Amino acid sequence: MDQSQIQDEFDRCFKIILQEALELEKEADPSRVSSAILYAAARYNAFHAVHADADISKNKDKALRYFIEQYEA
């Protein structure tokens, strides 16, 4: 997959998630929607890290640093 395809895939995923958040905001308080999105992202990232790394217990600190850096960016 080239860089353009990666960006297109990222944009497609981002737009789907954003659209769903905007729909949820019609029925729920925006701060709860925001909190739910952050919680879901954290859960998904933890799930992905565990399944993507055969030795996650050894690489846990590296994964945590990566996620923190992404959040702070």
C-alpha atoms as a PDB file:
ATOM      1  CA  MET A   1       0.000   0.000   0.000  1.00  0.00           C
ATOM      2  CA  ASP A   2       1.485   3.348  -0.970  1.00  0.00           C
ATOM      3  CA  GLN A   3       1.311   6.548   1.114  1.00  0.00           C
ATOM      4  CA  SER A   4      -1.691   7.888  -0.800  1.00  0.00           C
ATOM      5  CA  GLN A   5      -3.662   4.700  -0.198  1.00  0.00           C
ATOM      6  CA  ILE A   6      -2.736   4.735   3.483  1.00  0.00           C
ATOM      7  CA  GLN A   7      -3.928   8.345   3.781  1.00  0.00           C
ATOM      8  CA  ASP A   8      -7.164   7.543   1.918  1.00  0.00           C
ATOM      9  CA  GLU A   9      -7.862   4.599   4.220  1.00  0.00           C
ATOM     10  CA  PHE A  10      -7.132   6.740   7.285  1.00  0.00           C
ATOM     11  CA  ASP A  11      -9.417   9.514   6.029  1.00  0.00           C
ATOM     12  CA  ARG A  12     -12.228   7.047   5.332  1.00  0.00           C
ATOM     13  CA  CYS A  13     -11.994   5.563   8.838  1.00  0.00           C
ATOM     14  CA  PHE A  14     -11.768   8.984  10.465  1.00  0.00           C
ATOM     15  CA  LYS A  15     -14.813  10.287   8.585  1.00  0.00           C
ATOM     16  CA  ILE A  16     -16.925   7.261   9.559  1.00  0.00           C
ATOM     17  CA  ILE A  17     -16.025   7.645  13.237  1.00  0.00           C
ATOM     18  CA  LEU A  18     -16.601  11.413  13.177  1.00  0.00           C
ATOM     19  CA  GLN A  19     -19.968  11.022  11.455  1.00  0.00           C
ATOM     20  CA  GLU A  20     -21.069   8.492  14.064  1.00  0.00           C
ATOM     21  CA  ALA A  21     -19.982  10.858  16.851  1.00  0.00           C
ATOM     22  CA  LEU A  22     -21.981  13.691  15.320  1.00  0.00           C
ATOM     23  CA  GLU A  23     -25.030  11.439  15.122  1.00  0.00           C
ATOM     24  CA  LEU A  24     -24.625  10.388  18.754  1.00  0.00           C
ATOM     25  CA  GLU A  25     -24.388  14.028  19.769  1.00  0.00           C
ATOM     26  CA  LYS A  26     -27.996  14.490  18.646  1.00  0.00           C
ATOM     27  CA  GLU A  27     -29.114  12.209  21.490  1.00  0.00           C
ATOM     28  CA  ALA A  28     -26.344  12.468  24.084  1.00  0.00           C
ATOM     29  CA  ASP A  29     -24.356  15.171  25.795  1.00  0.00           C
ATOM     30  CA  PRO A  30     -21.268  16.053  23.706  1.00  0.00           C
ATOM     31  CA  SER A  31     -18.933  15.583  26.678  1.00  0.00           C
ATOM     32  CA  ARG A  32     -20.207  12.018  27.123  1.00  0.00           C
ATOM     33  CA  VAL A  33     -19.799  11.323  23.403  1.00  0.00           C
ATOM     34  CA  SER A  34     -16.237  12.637  23.609  1.00  0.00           C
ATOM     35  CA  SER A  35     -15.486  10.525  26.678  1.00  0.00           C
ATOM     36  CA  ALA A  36     -16.983   7.444  25.029  1.00  0.00           C
ATOM     37  CA  ILE A  37     -14.859   7.956  21.906  1.00  0.00           C
ATOM     38  CA  LEU A  38     -11.684   8.265  23.982  1.00  0.00           C
ATOM     39  CA  TYR A  39     -12.619   5.186  26.015  1.00  0.00           C
ATOM     40  CA  ALA A  40     -13.401   3.189  22.869  1.00  0.00           C
ATOM     41  CA  ALA A  41     -10.116   4.266  21.278  1.00  0.00           C
ATOM     42  CA  ALA A  42      -8.164   3.216  24.360  1.00  0.00           C
ATOM     43  CA  ARG A  43      -9.925  -0.159  24.473  1.00  0.00           C
ATOM     44  CA  TYR A  44      -9.396  -0.745  20.754  1.00  0.00           C
ATOM     45  CA  ASN A  45      -5.727   0.248  20.957  1.00  0.00           C
ATOM     46  CA  ALA A  46      -5.132  -2.097  23.894  1.00  0.00           C
ATOM     47  CA  PHE A  47      -6.898  -4.922  22.037  1.00  0.00           C
ATOM     48  CA  HIS A  48      -4.847  -4.256  18.911  1.00  0.00           C
ATOM     49  CA  ALA A  49      -1.553  -4.046  20.826  1.00  0.00           C
ATOM     50  CA  VAL A  50      -2.169  -7.377  22.539  1.00  0.00           C
ATOM     51  CA  HIS A  51      -3.064  -9.133  19.303  1.00  0.00           C
ATOM     52  CA  ALA A  52      -0.344  -7.501  17.187  1.00  0.00           C
ATOM     53  CA  ASP A  53       2.566  -8.268  19.541  1.00  0.00           C
ATOM     54  CA  ALA A  54       3.272 -11.848  20.553  1.00  0.00           C
ATOM     55  CA  ASP A  55       5.327 -10.569  23.503  1.00  0.00           C
ATOM     56  CA  ILE A  56       3.223  -7.615  24.658  1.00  0.00           C
ATOM     57  CA  SER A  57       4.174  -8.134  28.297  1.00  0.00           C
ATOM     58  CA  LYS A  58       7.796  -7.432  27.344  1.00  0.00           C
ATOM     59  CA  ASN A  59       6.882  -4.487  25.082  1.00  0.00           C
ATOM     60  CA  LYS A  60       4.095  -2.938  27.165  1.00  0.00           C
ATOM     61  CA  ASP A  61       6.055   0.204  28.087  1.00  0.00           C
ATOM     62  CA  LYS A  62       6.949   0.819  24.446  1.00  0.00           C
ATOM     63  CA  ALA A  63       3.294   0.476  23.430  1.00  0.00           C
ATOM     64  CA  LEU A  64       2.180   2.847  26.202  1.00  0.00           C
ATOM     65  CA  ARG A  65       4.745   5.460  25.167  1.00  0.00           C
ATOM     66  CA  TYR A  66       3.553   5.199  21.562  1.00  0.00           C
ATOM     67  CA  PHE A  67      -0.104   5.724  22.503  1.00  0.00           C
ATOM     68  CA  ILE A  68       0.749   8.638  24.782  1.00  0.00           C
ATOM     69  CA  GLU A  69       2.800  10.274  22.017  1.00  0.00           C
ATOM     70  CA  GLN A  70      -0.087   9.852  19.576  1.00  0.00           C
ATOM     71  CA  TYR A  71      -2.541  11.392  22.021  1.00  0.00           C
ATOM     72  CA  GLU A  72      -0.261  14.347  22.751  1.00  0.00           C
ATOM     73  CA  ALA A  73       0.471  15.058  19.076  1.00  0.00           C
END
